[in-house]
Amino acid sequence: MRSFFKLPALVSFHLILLSARTVISSEGEIPEKLKGILLYAPYPKYPVGVARQHVRGRGLFRLTFDQKTGHVAEVKVLQSTGHVILNELAAKAFLQWRVRPGTLTSLRIPVDFQLAGAFVRTIH
């Protein structure tokens, strides 16, 4: 009989807005200084199967927003995570993001897909 254990996973990402860096937790909470601007920001999912395969990576994405609707018009991979699946998971989440119309034109977001307990950088 094979036994499996759940491997905790962590996805962290940082918003870079007007050269200020704001950390969003893995729970996807919207930072205080972006409340009222960033209306909906689901974090990328890190499926257990992908985590079990030790697929990790860091990437950089740029979101471009429609000024009239606040919806994401485009997600561009500026730096790949090194894995197509991780890039797709991030892009899928980012396509759901919404901002207050007319507030942001674009946003650069670094993303770290890593196993819990691995080194996590903090940005000051």
PDB file of N, CA and C in Angstrom:
ATOM      1  N   MET A   1       0.833  -1.168   0.000  1.00  0.00           N
ATOM      2  CA  MET A   1       0.000   0.000   0.000  1.00  0.00           C
ATOM      3  C   MET A   1       0.883   1.239   0.000  1.00  0.00           C
ATOM      4  N   ARG A   2       0.607   2.152  -0.942  1.00  0.00           N
ATOM      5  CA  ARG A   2       1.393   3.378  -1.039  1.00  0.00           C
ATOM      6  C   ARG A   2       0.725   4.466  -0.212  1.00  0.00           C
ATOM      7  N   SER A   3       1.523   5.211   0.479  1.00  0.00           N
ATOM      8  CA  SER A   3       0.964   6.332   1.228  1.00  0.00           C
ATOM      9  C   SER A   3       1.461   7.628   0.603  1.00  0.00           C
ATOM     10  N   PHE A   4       0.588   8.581   0.525  1.00  0.00           N
ATOM     11  CA  PHE A   4       0.927   9.880  -0.037  1.00  0.00           C
ATOM     12  C   PHE A   4       0.745  10.937   1.041  1.00  0.00           C
ATOM     13  N   PHE A   5       1.561  11.925   0.986  1.00  0.00           N
ATOM     14  CA  PHE A   5       1.379  13.040   1.900  1.00  0.00           C
ATOM     15  C   PHE A   5       1.209  14.294   1.068  1.00  0.00           C
ATOM     16  N   LYS A   6       0.496  15.220   1.608  1.00  0.00           N
ATOM     17  CA  LYS A   6       0.295  16.479   0.908  1.00  0.00           C
ATOM     18  C   LYS A   6       1.516  17.344   1.094  1.00  0.00           C
ATOM     19  N   LEU A   7       1.987  17.884   0.011  1.00  0.00           N
ATOM     20  CA  LEU A   7       3.166  18.727   0.023  1.00  0.00           C
ATOM     21  C   LEU A   7       2.713  20.179   0.009  1.00  0.00           C
ATOM     22  N   PRO A   8       2.953  20.935   1.061  1.00  0.00           N
ATOM     23  CA  PRO A   8       2.506  22.323   1.057  1.00  0.00           C
ATOM     24  C   PRO A   8       3.246  23.108  -0.020  1.00  0.00           C
ATOM     25  N   ALA A   9       2.535  23.985  -0.652  1.00  0.00           N
ATOM     26  CA  ALA A   9       3.127  24.781  -1.724  1.00  0.00           C
ATOM     27  C   ALA A   9       2.871  26.251  -1.464  1.00  0.00           C
ATOM     28  N   LEU A  10       3.676  27.065  -2.064  1.00  0.00           N
ATOM     29  CA  LEU A  10       3.583  28.496  -1.858  1.00  0.00           C
ATOM     30  C   LEU A  10       3.760  29.210  -3.185  1.00  0.00           C
ATOM     31  N   VAL A  11       2.895  30.154  -3.444  1.00  0.00           N
ATOM     32  CA  VAL A  11       3.070  31.039  -4.574  1.00  0.00           C
ATOM     33  C   VAL A  11       3.113  32.437  -3.989  1.00  0.00           C
ATOM     34  N   SER A  12       4.171  33.137  -4.261  1.00  0.00           N
ATOM     35  CA  SER A  12       4.225  34.522  -3.799  1.00  0.00           C
ATOM     36  C   SER A  12       4.458  35.414  -4.996  1.00  0.00           C
ATOM     37  N   PHE A  13       3.920  36.603  -4.919  1.00  0.00           N
ATOM     38  CA  PHE A  13       4.164  37.546  -5.983  1.00  0.00           C
ATOM     39  C   PHE A  13       4.163  38.946  -5.415  1.00  0.00           C
ATOM     40  N   HIS A  14       4.799  39.829  -6.151  1.00  0.00           N
ATOM     41  CA  HIS A  14       4.992  41.190  -5.684  1.00  0.00           C
ATOM     42  C   HIS A  14       4.497  42.150  -6.755  1.00  0.00           C
ATOM     43  N   LEU A  15       3.822  43.176  -6.355  1.00  0.00           N
ATOM     44  CA  LEU A  15       3.388  44.197  -7.291  1.00  0.00           C
ATOM     45  C   LEU A  15       4.450  45.278  -7.364  1.00  0.00           C
ATOM     46  N   ILE A  16       4.784  45.674  -8.564  1.00  0.00           N
ATOM     47  CA  ILE A  16       5.710  46.785  -8.734  1.00  0.00           C
ATOM     48  C   ILE A  16       4.902  47.919  -9.355  1.00  0.00           C
ATOM     49  N   LEU A  17       4.670  48.932  -8.588  1.00  0.00           N
ATOM     50  CA  LEU A  17       3.816  50.022  -9.009  1.00  0.00           C
ATOM     51  C   LEU A  17       4.526  51.336  -8.737  1.00  0.00           C
ATOM     52  N   LEU A  18       4.828  52.057  -9.786  1.00  0.00           N
ATOM     53  CA  LEU A  18       5.509  53.345  -9.660  1.00  0.00           C
ATOM     54  C   LEU A  18       6.751  53.231  -8.790  1.00  0.00           C
ATOM     55  N   SER A  19       7.528  52.211  -9.033  1.00  0.00           N
ATOM     56  CA  SER A  19       8.788  51.887  -8.356  1.00  0.00           C
ATOM     57  C   SER A  19       8.643  51.566  -6.869  1.00  0.00           C
ATOM     58  N   ALA A  20       7.415  51.464  -6.381  1.00  0.00           N
ATOM     59  CA  ALA A  20       7.203  51.011  -5.004  1.00  0.00           C
ATOM     60  C   ALA A  20       6.849  49.536  -5.054  1.00  0.00           C
ATOM     61  N   ARG A  21       7.323  48.757  -4.124  1.00  0.00           N
ATOM     62  CA  ARG A  21       7.044  47.321  -4.129  1.00  0.00           C
ATOM     63  C   ARG A  21       6.108  46.979  -2.988  1.00  0.00           C
ATOM     64  N   THR A  22       5.110  46.206  -3.308  1.00  0.00           N
ATOM     65  CA  THR A  22       4.117  45.808  -2.336  1.00  0.00           C
ATOM     66  C   THR A  22       3.965  44.302  -2.392  1.00  0.00           C
ATOM     67  N   VAL A  23       4.031  43.643  -1.268  1.00  0.00           N
ATOM     68  CA  VAL A  23       3.931  42.186  -1.234  1.00  0.00           C
ATOM     69  C   VAL A  23       2.475  41.775  -1.049  1.00  0.00           C
ATOM     70  N   ILE A  24       2.039  40.809  -1.879  1.00  0.00           N
ATOM     71  CA  ILE A  24       0.743  40.177  -1.695  1.00  0.00           C
ATOM     72  C   ILE A  24       1.021  38.798  -1.144  1.00  0.00           C
ATOM     73  N   SER A  25       0.326  38.438  -0.106  1.00  0.00           N
ATOM     74  CA  SER A  25       0.565  37.136   0.525  1.00  0.00           C
ATOM     75  C   SER A  25       0.058  36.007  -0.365  1.00  0.00           C
ATOM     76  N   SER A  26       0.418  34.794   0.005  1.00  0.00           N
ATOM     77  CA  SER A  26      -0.043  33.636  -0.763  1.00  0.00           C
ATOM     78  C   SER A  26      -1.553  33.440  -0.650  1.00  0.00           C
ATOM     79  N   GLU A  27      -2.185  34.110   0.297  1.00  0.00           N
ATOM     80  CA  GLU A  27      -3.638  34.035   0.403  1.00  0.00           C
ATOM     81  C   GLU A  27      -4.317  34.991  -0.565  1.00  0.00           C
ATOM     82  N   GLY A  28      -3.553  35.856  -1.228  1.00  0.00           N
ATOM     83  CA  GLY A  28      -4.106  36.746  -2.225  1.00  0.00           C
ATOM     84  C   GLY A  28      -4.758  37.996  -1.669  1.00  0.00           C
ATOM     85  N   GLU A  29      -4.416  38.381  -0.452  1.00  0.00           N
ATOM     86  CA  GLU A  29      -4.989  39.596   0.120  1.00  0.00           C
ATOM     87  C   GLU A  29      -4.469  40.816  -0.621  1.00  0.00           C
ATOM     88  N   ILE A  30      -5.331  41.808  -0.814  1.00  0.00           N
ATOM     89  CA  ILE A  30      -4.936  43.034  -1.489  1.00  0.00           C
ATOM     90  C   ILE A  30      -4.264  43.952  -0.479  1.00  0.00           C
ATOM     91  N   PRO A  31      -3.046  44.432  -0.790  1.00  0.00           N
ATOM     92  CA  PRO A  31      -2.333  45.319   0.137  1.00  0.00           C
ATOM     93  C   PRO A  31      -3.113  46.608   0.388  1.00  0.00           C
ATOM     94  N   GLU A  32      -2.969  47.137   1.586  1.00  0.00           N
ATOM     95  CA  GLU A  32      -3.704  48.334   1.997  1.00  0.00           C
ATOM     96  C   GLU A  32      -3.534  49.491   1.014  1.00  0.00           C
ATOM     97  N   LYS A  33      -2.293  49.746   0.553  1.00  0.00           N
ATOM     98  CA  LYS A  33      -2.077  50.900  -0.314  1.00  0.00           C
ATOM     99  C   LYS A  33      -2.662  50.740  -1.712  1.00  0.00           C
ATOM    100  N   LEU A  34      -3.132  49.533  -2.071  1.00  0.00           N
ATOM    101  CA  LEU A  34      -3.758  49.325  -3.375  1.00  0.00           C
ATOM    102  C   LEU A  34      -5.258  49.077  -3.273  1.00  0.00           C
ATOM    103  N   LYS A  35      -5.788  49.092  -2.044  1.00  0.00           N
ATOM    104  CA  LYS A  35      -7.231  48.919  -1.892  1.00  0.00           C
ATOM    105  C   LYS A  35      -7.927  50.110  -2.534  1.00  0.00           C
ATOM    106  N   GLY A  36      -8.979  49.811  -3.253  1.00  0.00           N
ATOM    107  CA  GLY A  36      -9.693  50.849  -3.986  1.00  0.00           C
ATOM    108  C   GLY A  36      -9.186  50.987  -5.409  1.00  0.00           C
ATOM    109  N   ILE A  37      -7.978  50.527  -5.683  1.00  0.00           N
ATOM    110  CA  ILE A  37      -7.432  50.527  -7.047  1.00  0.00           C
ATOM    111  C   ILE A  37      -7.495  49.111  -7.600  1.00  0.00           C
ATOM    112  N   LEU A  38      -6.898  48.173  -6.879  1.00  0.00           N
ATOM    113  CA  LEU A  38      -6.894  46.768  -7.266  1.00  0.00           C
ATOM    114  C   LEU A  38      -8.140  46.140  -6.655  1.00  0.00           C
ATOM    115  N   LEU A  39      -9.130  45.839  -7.499  1.00  0.00           N
ATOM    116  CA  LEU A  39     -10.422  45.380  -7.008  1.00  0.00           C
ATOM    117  C   LEU A  39     -10.509  43.867  -6.836  1.00  0.00           C
ATOM    118  N   TYR A  40      -9.807  43.134  -7.690  1.00  0.00           N
ATOM    119  CA  TYR A  40      -9.859  41.674  -7.643  1.00  0.00           C
ATOM    120  C   TYR A  40      -8.520  41.148  -8.109  1.00  0.00           C
ATOM    121  N   ALA A  41      -7.877  40.314  -7.282  1.00  0.00           N
ATOM    122  CA  ALA A  41      -6.534  39.832  -7.608  1.00  0.00           C
ATOM    123  C   ALA A  41      -6.321  38.408  -7.116  1.00  0.00           C
ATOM    124  N   PRO A  42      -6.934  37.419  -7.790  1.00  0.00           N
ATOM    125  CA  PRO A  42      -6.701  36.040  -7.349  1.00  0.00           C
ATOM    126  C   PRO A  42      -5.261  35.637  -7.609  1.00  0.00           C
ATOM    127  N   TYR A  43      -4.676  34.925  -6.668  1.00  0.00           N
ATOM    128  CA  TYR A  43      -3.289  34.508  -6.825  1.00  0.00           C
ATOM    129  C   TYR A  43      -3.221  33.248  -7.676  1.00  0.00           C
ATOM    130  N   PRO A  44      -2.092  33.015  -8.326  1.00  0.00           N
ATOM    131  CA  PRO A  44      -1.949  31.797  -9.139  1.00  0.00           C
ATOM    132  C   PRO A  44      -2.048  30.540  -8.286  1.00  0.00           C
ATOM    133  N   LYS A  45      -2.676  29.522  -8.830  1.00  0.00           N
ATOM    134  CA  LYS A  45      -2.784  28.224  -8.154  1.00  0.00           C
ATOM    135  C   LYS A  45      -1.485  27.448  -8.390  1.00  0.00           C
ATOM    136  N   TYR A  46      -1.112  26.625  -7.446  1.00  0.00           N
ATOM    137  CA  TYR A  46       0.067  25.762  -7.561  1.00  0.00           C
ATOM    138  C   TYR A  46      -0.419  24.353  -7.276  1.00  0.00           C
ATOM    139  N   PRO A  47      -0.883  23.631  -8.303  1.00  0.00           N
ATOM    140  CA  PRO A  47      -1.464  22.307  -8.098  1.00  0.00           C
ATOM    141  C   PRO A  47      -0.511  21.350  -7.389  1.00  0.00           C
ATOM    142  N   VAL A  48      -1.065  20.513  -6.546  1.00  0.00           N
ATOM    143  CA  VAL A  48      -0.266  19.562  -5.772  1.00  0.00           C
ATOM    144  C   VAL A  48       0.572  18.684  -6.697  1.00  0.00           C
ATOM    145  N   GLY A  49      -0.010  18.239  -7.809  1.00  0.00           N
ATOM    146  CA  GLY A  49       0.730  17.391  -8.742  1.00  0.00           C
ATOM    147  C   GLY A  49       1.970  18.058  -9.296  1.00  0.00           C
ATOM    148  N   VAL A  50       1.874  19.341  -9.572  1.00  0.00           N
ATOM    149  CA  VAL A  50       3.018  20.103 -10.084  1.00  0.00           C
ATOM    150  C   VAL A  50       4.047  20.286  -8.976  1.00  0.00           C
ATOM    151  N   ALA A  51       3.587  20.577  -7.765  1.00  0.00           N
ATOM    152  CA  ALA A  51       4.501  20.747  -6.633  1.00  0.00           C
ATOM    153  C   ALA A  51       5.231  19.445  -6.327  1.00  0.00           C
ATOM    154  N   ARG A  52       4.519  18.319  -6.407  1.00  0.00           N
ATOM    155  CA  ARG A  52       5.134  17.013  -6.135  1.00  0.00           C
ATOM    156  C   ARG A  52       6.267  16.705  -7.111  1.00  0.00           C
ATOM    157  N   GLN A  53       6.155  17.250  -8.320  1.00  0.00           N
ATOM    158  CA  GLN A  53       7.200  17.037  -9.331  1.00  0.00           C
ATOM    159  C   GLN A  53       8.361  18.021  -9.143  1.00  0.00           C
ATOM    160  N   HIS A  54       8.285  18.821  -8.086  1.00  0.00           N
ATOM    161  CA  HIS A  54       9.314  19.807  -7.757  1.00  0.00           C
ATOM    162  C   HIS A  54       9.525  20.823  -8.878  1.00  0.00           C
ATOM    163  N   VAL A  55       8.428  21.167  -9.555  1.00  0.00           N
ATOM    164  CA  VAL A  55       8.480  22.195 -10.592  1.00  0.00           C
ATOM    165  C   VAL A  55       8.414  23.537  -9.882  1.00  0.00           C
ATOM    166  N   ARG A  56       9.479  24.286  -9.982  1.00  0.00           N
ATOM    167  CA  ARG A  56       9.574  25.597  -9.334  1.00  0.00           C
ATOM    168  C   ARG A  56      10.061  26.607 -10.338  1.00  0.00           C
ATOM    169  N   GLY A  57       9.844  27.863 -10.036  1.00  0.00           N
ATOM    170  CA  GLY A  57      10.369  28.884 -10.930  1.00  0.00           C
ATOM    171  C   GLY A  57       9.968  30.282 -10.526  1.00  0.00           C
ATOM    172  N   ARG A  58      10.722  31.215 -11.045  1.00  0.00           N
ATOM    173  CA  ARG A  58      10.438  32.647 -10.858  1.00  0.00           C
ATOM    174  C   ARG A  58      10.273  33.273 -12.230  1.00  0.00           C
ATOM    175  N   GLY A  59       9.308  34.141 -12.320  1.00  0.00           N
ATOM    176  CA  GLY A  59       9.076  34.819 -13.588  1.00  0.00           C
ATOM    177  C   GLY A  59       8.645  36.250 -13.366  1.00  0.00           C
ATOM    178  N   LEU A  60       8.561  36.985 -14.452  1.00  0.00           N
ATOM    179  CA  LEU A  60       8.136  38.383 -14.405  1.00  0.00           C
ATOM    180  C   LEU A  60       7.081  38.580 -15.481  1.00  0.00           C
ATOM    181  N   PHE A  61       5.952  39.147 -15.096  1.00  0.00           N
ATOM    182  CA  PHE A  61       4.820  39.327 -15.995  1.00  0.00           C
ATOM    183  C   PHE A  61       4.400  40.794 -16.021  1.00  0.00           C
ATOM    184  N   ARG A  62       3.877  41.236 -17.167  1.00  0.00           N
ATOM    185  CA  ARG A  62       3.313  42.584 -17.259  1.00  0.00           C
ATOM    186  C   ARG A  62       1.842  42.476 -17.631  1.00  0.00           C
ATOM    187  N   LEU A  63       1.006  43.086 -16.820  1.00  0.00           N
ATOM    188  CA  LEU A  63      -0.423  43.136 -17.079  1.00  0.00           C
ATOM    189  C   LEU A  63      -0.738  44.500 -17.669  1.00  0.00           C
ATOM    190  N   THR A  64      -1.514  44.520 -18.736  1.00  0.00           N
ATOM    191  CA  THR A  64      -1.977  45.769 -19.332  1.00  0.00           C
ATOM    192  C   THR A  64      -3.488  45.813 -19.144  1.00  0.00           C
ATOM    193  N   PHE A  65      -3.981  46.921 -18.624  1.00  0.00           N
ATOM    194  CA  PHE A  65      -5.396  47.046 -18.294  1.00  0.00           C
ATOM    195  C   PHE A  65      -6.150  47.899 -19.301  1.00  0.00           C
ATOM    196  N   ASP A  66      -7.390  47.520 -19.569  1.00  0.00           N
ATOM    197  CA  ASP A  66      -8.298  48.316 -20.382  1.00  0.00           C
ATOM    198  C   ASP A  66      -8.745  49.490 -19.514  1.00  0.00           C
ATOM    199  N   GLN A  67      -8.490  50.693 -19.948  1.00  0.00           N
ATOM    200  CA  GLN A  67      -8.791  51.880 -19.147  1.00  0.00           C
ATOM    201  C   GLN A  67     -10.282  52.094 -18.912  1.00  0.00           C
ATOM    202  N   LYS A  68     -11.111  51.623 -19.828  1.00  0.00           N
ATOM    203  CA  LYS A  68     -12.553  51.818 -19.684  1.00  0.00           C
ATOM    204  C   LYS A  68     -13.197  50.812 -18.732  1.00  0.00           C
ATOM    205  N   THR A  69     -12.707  49.578 -18.761  1.00  0.00           N
ATOM    206  CA  THR A  69     -13.352  48.530 -17.965  1.00  0.00           C
ATOM    207  C   THR A  69     -12.568  48.126 -16.724  1.00  0.00           C
ATOM    208  N   GLY A  70     -11.243  48.339 -16.736  1.00  0.00           N
ATOM    209  CA  GLY A  70     -10.397  47.902 -15.636  1.00  0.00           C
ATOM    210  C   GLY A  70     -10.000  46.438 -15.733  1.00  0.00           C
ATOM    211  N   HIS A  71     -10.454  45.744 -16.772  1.00  0.00           N
ATOM    212  CA  HIS A  71     -10.102  44.337 -16.975  1.00  0.00           C
ATOM    213  C   HIS A  71      -8.710  44.229 -17.582  1.00  0.00           C
ATOM    214  N   VAL A  72      -8.071  43.100 -17.378  1.00  0.00           N
ATOM    215  CA  VAL A  72      -6.765  42.857 -17.978  1.00  0.00           C
ATOM    216  C   VAL A  72      -6.960  42.631 -19.473  1.00  0.00           C
ATOM    217  N   ALA A  73      -6.287  43.427 -20.272  1.00  0.00           N
ATOM    218  CA  ALA A  73      -6.361  43.297 -21.722  1.00  0.00           C
ATOM    219  C   ALA A  73      -5.277  42.364 -22.248  1.00  0.00           C
ATOM    220  N   GLU A  74      -4.134  42.312 -21.520  1.00  0.00           N
ATOM    221  CA  GLU A  74      -3.019  41.489 -21.978  1.00  0.00           C
ATOM    222  C   GLU A  74      -2.130  41.107 -20.805  1.00  0.00           C
ATOM    223  N   VAL A  75      -1.635  39.877 -20.844  1.00  0.00           N
ATOM    224  CA  VAL A  75      -0.609  39.416 -19.909  1.00  0.00           C
ATOM    225  C   VAL A  75       0.586  39.033 -20.756  1.00  0.00           C
ATOM    226  N   LYS A  76       1.713  39.661 -20.489  1.00  0.00           N
ATOM    227  CA  LYS A  76       2.926  39.375 -21.249  1.00  0.00           C
ATOM    228  C   LYS A  76       3.984  38.798 -20.308  1.00  0.00           C
ATOM    229  N   VAL A  77       4.632  37.725 -20.743  1.00  0.00           N
ATOM    230  CA  VAL A  77       5.714  37.121 -19.969  1.00  0.00           C
ATOM    231  C   VAL A  77       6.985  37.904 -20.298  1.00  0.00           C
ATOM    232  N   LEU A  78       7.496  38.657 -19.334  1.00  0.00           N
ATOM    233  CA  LEU A  78       8.737  39.402 -19.529  1.00  0.00           C
ATOM    234  C   LEU A  78       9.948  38.522 -19.245  1.00  0.00           C
ATOM    235  N   GLN A  79       9.796  37.641 -18.259  1.00  0.00           N
ATOM    236  CA  GLN A  79      10.830  36.652 -17.937  1.00  0.00           C
ATOM    237  C   GLN A  79      10.106  35.370 -17.552  1.00  0.00           C
ATOM    238  N   SER A  80      10.373  34.308 -18.282  1.00  0.00           N
ATOM    239  CA  SER A  80       9.713  33.028 -18.043  1.00  0.00           C
ATOM    240  C   SER A  80      10.119  32.430 -16.700  1.00  0.00           C
ATOM    241  N   THR A  81       9.207  31.667 -16.131  1.00  0.00           N
ATOM    242  CA  THR A  81       9.508  30.920 -14.908  1.00  0.00           C
ATOM    243  C   THR A  81      10.418  29.731 -15.221  1.00  0.00           C
ATOM    244  N   GLY A  82      10.544  29.427 -16.493  1.00  0.00           N
ATOM    245  CA  GLY A  82      11.331  28.275 -16.918  1.00  0.00           C
ATOM    246  C   GLY A  82      10.470  27.052 -17.184  1.00  0.00           C
ATOM    247  N   HIS A  83       9.164  27.181 -16.907  1.00  0.00           N
ATOM    248  CA  HIS A  83       8.230  26.069 -17.116  1.00  0.00           C
ATOM    249  C   HIS A  83       6.941  26.610 -17.726  1.00  0.00           C
ATOM    250  N   VAL A  84       6.541  26.047 -18.844  1.00  0.00           N
ATOM    251  CA  VAL A  84       5.328  26.493 -19.525  1.00  0.00           C
ATOM    252  C   VAL A  84       4.121  26.407 -18.593  1.00  0.00           C
ATOM    253  N   ILE A  85       4.008  25.342 -17.825  1.00  0.00           N
ATOM    254  CA  ILE A  85       2.857  25.162 -16.937  1.00  0.00           C
ATOM    255  C   ILE A  85       2.774  26.281 -15.904  1.00  0.00           C
ATOM    256  N   LEU A  86       3.908  26.696 -15.345  1.00  0.00           N
ATOM    257  CA  LEU A  86       3.899  27.779 -14.353  1.00  0.00           C
ATOM    258  C   LEU A  86       3.536  29.109 -15.001  1.00  0.00           C
ATOM    259  N   ASN A  87       4.063  29.357 -16.200  1.00  0.00           N
ATOM    260  CA  ASN A  87       3.700  30.574 -16.931  1.00  0.00           C
ATOM    261  C   ASN A  87       2.198  30.617 -17.193  1.00  0.00           C
ATOM    262  N   GLU A  88       1.639  29.464 -17.590  1.00  0.00           N
ATOM    263  CA  GLU A  88       0.206  29.397 -17.875  1.00  0.00           C
ATOM    264  C   GLU A  88      -0.640  29.582 -16.617  1.00  0.00           C
ATOM    265  N   LEU A  89      -0.212  29.003 -15.507  1.00  0.00           N
ATOM    266  CA  LEU A  89      -0.951  29.166 -14.251  1.00  0.00           C
ATOM    267  C   LEU A  89      -0.971  30.630 -13.816  1.00  0.00           C
ATOM    268  N   ALA A  90       0.159  31.296 -13.937  1.00  0.00           N
ATOM    269  CA  ALA A  90       0.227  32.716 -13.573  1.00  0.00           C
ATOM    270  C   ALA A  90      -0.646  33.548 -14.506  1.00  0.00           C
ATOM    271  N   ALA A  91      -0.508  33.328 -15.807  1.00  0.00           N
ATOM    272  CA  ALA A  91      -1.288  34.107 -16.776  1.00  0.00           C
ATOM    273  C   ALA A  91      -2.789  33.896 -16.576  1.00  0.00           C
ATOM    274  N   LYS A  92      -3.193  32.660 -16.302  1.00  0.00           N
ATOM    275  CA  LYS A  92      -4.617  32.367 -16.080  1.00  0.00           C
ATOM    276  C   LYS A  92      -5.161  33.169 -14.899  1.00  0.00           C
ATOM    277  N   ALA A  93      -4.397  33.239 -13.825  1.00  0.00           N
ATOM    278  CA  ALA A  93      -4.833  34.017 -12.657  1.00  0.00           C
ATOM    279  C   ALA A  93      -4.843  35.512 -12.975  1.00  0.00           C
ATOM    280  N   PHE A  94      -3.785  35.987 -13.621  1.00  0.00           N
ATOM    281  CA  PHE A  94      -3.676  37.421 -13.893  1.00  0.00           C
ATOM    282  C   PHE A  94      -4.746  37.924 -14.861  1.00  0.00           C
ATOM    283  N   LEU A  95      -5.220  37.077 -15.750  1.00  0.00           N
ATOM    284  CA  LEU A  95      -6.287  37.486 -16.669  1.00  0.00           C
ATOM    285  C   LEU A  95      -7.597  37.775 -15.939  1.00  0.00           C
ATOM    286  N   GLN A  96      -7.703  37.340 -14.695  1.00  0.00           N
ATOM    287  CA  GLN A  96      -8.910  37.598 -13.901  1.00  0.00           C
ATOM    288  C   GLN A  96      -8.821  38.896 -13.097  1.00  0.00           C
ATOM    289  N   TRP A  97      -7.639  39.510 -13.041  1.00  0.00           N
ATOM    290  CA  TRP A  97      -7.453  40.699 -12.215  1.00  0.00           C
ATOM    291  C   TRP A  97      -8.294  41.859 -12.729  1.00  0.00           C
ATOM    292  N   ARG A  98      -8.727  42.701 -11.799  1.00  0.00           N
ATOM    293  CA  ARG A  98      -9.509  43.894 -12.129  1.00  0.00           C
ATOM    294  C   ARG A  98      -9.006  45.073 -11.304  1.00  0.00           C
ATOM    295  N   VAL A  99      -8.956  46.227 -11.954  1.00  0.00           N
ATOM    296  CA  VAL A  99      -8.622  47.462 -11.257  1.00  0.00           C
ATOM    297  C   VAL A  99      -9.751  48.460 -11.488  1.00  0.00           C
ATOM    298  N   ARG A 100      -9.770  49.492 -10.672  1.00  0.00           N
ATOM    299  CA  ARG A 100     -10.757  50.544 -10.888  1.00  0.00           C
ATOM    300  C   ARG A 100     -10.448  51.185 -12.245  1.00  0.00           C
ATOM    301  N   PRO A 101     -11.436  51.293 -13.131  1.00  0.00           N
ATOM    302  CA  PRO A 101     -11.201  51.858 -14.460  1.00  0.00           C
ATOM    303  C   PRO A 101     -10.517  53.231 -14.390  1.00  0.00           C
ATOM    304  N   GLY A 102      -9.543  53.406 -15.280  1.00  0.00           N
ATOM    305  CA  GLY A 102      -8.839  54.676 -15.382  1.00  0.00           C
ATOM    306  C   GLY A 102      -7.716  54.886 -14.386  1.00  0.00           C
ATOM    307  N   THR A 103      -7.413  53.897 -13.549  1.00  0.00           N
ATOM    308  CA  THR A 103      -6.394  54.104 -12.514  1.00  0.00           C
ATOM    309  C   THR A 103      -5.014  53.593 -12.906  1.00  0.00           C
ATOM    310  N   LEU A 104      -4.928  52.427 -13.539  1.00  0.00           N
ATOM    311  CA  LEU A 104      -3.640  51.850 -13.921  1.00  0.00           C
ATOM    312  C   LEU A 104      -3.657  51.487 -15.396  1.00  0.00           C
ATOM    313  N   THR A 105      -2.535  51.687 -16.053  1.00  0.00           N
ATOM    314  CA  THR A 105      -2.421  51.233 -17.436  1.00  0.00           C
ATOM    315  C   THR A 105      -1.707  49.887 -17.492  1.00  0.00           C
ATOM    316  N   SER A 106      -0.686  49.704 -16.643  1.00  0.00           N
ATOM    317  CA  SER A 106       0.019  48.426 -16.612  1.00  0.00           C
ATOM    318  C   SER A 106       0.638  48.196 -15.249  1.00  0.00           C
ATOM    319  N   LEU A 107       1.023  46.949 -15.025  1.00  0.00           N
ATOM    320  CA  LEU A 107       1.592  46.529 -13.748  1.00  0.00           C
ATOM    321  C   LEU A 107       2.568  45.406 -14.025  1.00  0.00           C
ATOM    322  N   ARG A 108       3.764  45.482 -13.443  1.00  0.00           N
ATOM    323  CA  ARG A 108       4.754  44.400 -13.552  1.00  0.00           C
ATOM    324  C   ARG A 108       4.704  43.589 -12.274  1.00  0.00           C
ATOM    325  N   ILE A 109       4.674  42.261 -12.427  1.00  0.00           N
ATOM    326  CA  ILE A 109       4.519  41.390 -11.268  1.00  0.00           C
ATOM    327  C   ILE A 109       5.514  40.234 -11.312  1.00  0.00           C
ATOM    328  N   PRO A 110       6.502  40.213 -10.406  1.00  0.00           N
ATOM    329  CA  PRO A 110       7.350  39.021 -10.274  1.00  0.00           C
ATOM    330  C   PRO A 110       6.581  37.941  -9.517  1.00  0.00           C
ATOM    331  N   VAL A 111       6.748  36.686  -9.921  1.00  0.00           N
ATOM    332  CA  VAL A 111       6.055  35.568  -9.294  1.00  0.00           C
ATOM    333  C   VAL A 111       7.064  34.490  -8.930  1.00  0.00           C
ATOM    334  N   ASP A 112       6.928  33.931  -7.728  1.00  0.00           N
ATOM    335  CA  ASP A 112       7.761  32.815  -7.279  1.00  0.00           C
ATOM    336  C   ASP A 112       6.863  31.616  -7.008  1.00  0.00           C
ATOM    337  N   PHE A 113       7.093  30.528  -7.718  1.00  0.00           N
ATOM    338  CA  PHE A 113       6.434  29.256  -7.420  1.00  0.00           C
ATOM    339  C   PHE A 113       7.479  28.417  -6.707  1.00  0.00           C
ATOM    340  N   GLN A 114       7.212  28.055  -5.461  1.00  0.00           N
ATOM    341  CA  GLN A 114       8.180  27.276  -4.700  1.00  0.00           C
ATOM    342  C   GLN A 114       7.468  26.450  -3.638  1.00  0.00           C
ATOM    343  N   LEU A 115       8.151  25.438  -3.151  1.00  0.00           N
ATOM    344  CA  LEU A 115       7.597  24.608  -2.090  1.00  0.00           C
ATOM    345  C   LEU A 115       7.665  25.364  -0.776  1.00  0.00           C
ATOM    346  N   ALA A 116       6.691  25.172   0.075  1.00  0.00           N
ATOM    347  CA  ALA A 116       6.707  25.809   1.394  1.00  0.00           C
ATOM    348  C   ALA A 116       7.946  25.352   2.143  1.00  0.00           C
ATOM    349  N   GLY A 117       8.547  26.250   2.840  1.00  0.00           N
ATOM    350  CA  GLY A 117       9.747  25.932   3.575  1.00  0.00           C
ATOM    351  C   GLY A 117      11.003  26.275   2.793  1.00  0.00           C
ATOM    352  N   ALA A 118      10.838  26.540   1.514  1.00  0.00           N
ATOM    353  CA  ALA A 118      11.979  26.956   0.717  1.00  0.00           C
ATOM    354  C   ALA A 118      12.252  28.432   0.996  1.00  0.00           C
ATOM    355  N   PHE A 119      13.389  28.908   0.589  1.00  0.00           N
ATOM    356  CA  PHE A 119      13.792  30.290   0.819  1.00  0.00           C
ATOM    357  C   PHE A 119      12.799  31.248   0.167  1.00  0.00           C
ATOM    358  N   VAL A 120      12.346  32.226   0.918  1.00  0.00           N
ATOM    359  CA  VAL A 120      11.423  33.232   0.401  1.00  0.00           C
ATOM    360  C   VAL A 120      12.092  34.593   0.543  1.00  0.00           C
ATOM    361  N   ARG A 121      12.221  35.283  -0.574  1.00  0.00           N
ATOM    362  CA  ARG A 121      12.798  36.633  -0.533  1.00  0.00           C
ATOM    363  C   ARG A 121      11.743  37.615  -0.025  1.00  0.00           C
ATOM    364  N   THR A 122      12.179  38.566   0.740  1.00  0.00           N
ATOM    365  CA  THR A 122      11.286  39.654   1.114  1.00  0.00           C
ATOM    366  C   THR A 122      11.779  40.902   0.423  1.00  0.00           C
ATOM    367  N   ILE A 123      10.859  41.736   0.032  1.00  0.00           N
ATOM    368  CA  ILE A 123      11.211  42.968  -0.664  1.00  0.00           C
ATOM    369  C   ILE A 123      10.881  44.129   0.254  1.00  0.00           C
ATOM    370  N   HIS A 124      11.837  44.990   0.460  1.00  0.00           N
ATOM    371  CA  HIS A 124      11.619  46.145   1.352  1.00  0.00           C
ATOM    372  C   HIS A 124      11.317  47.371   0.537  1.00  0.00           C
TER     373      HIS A 124
END
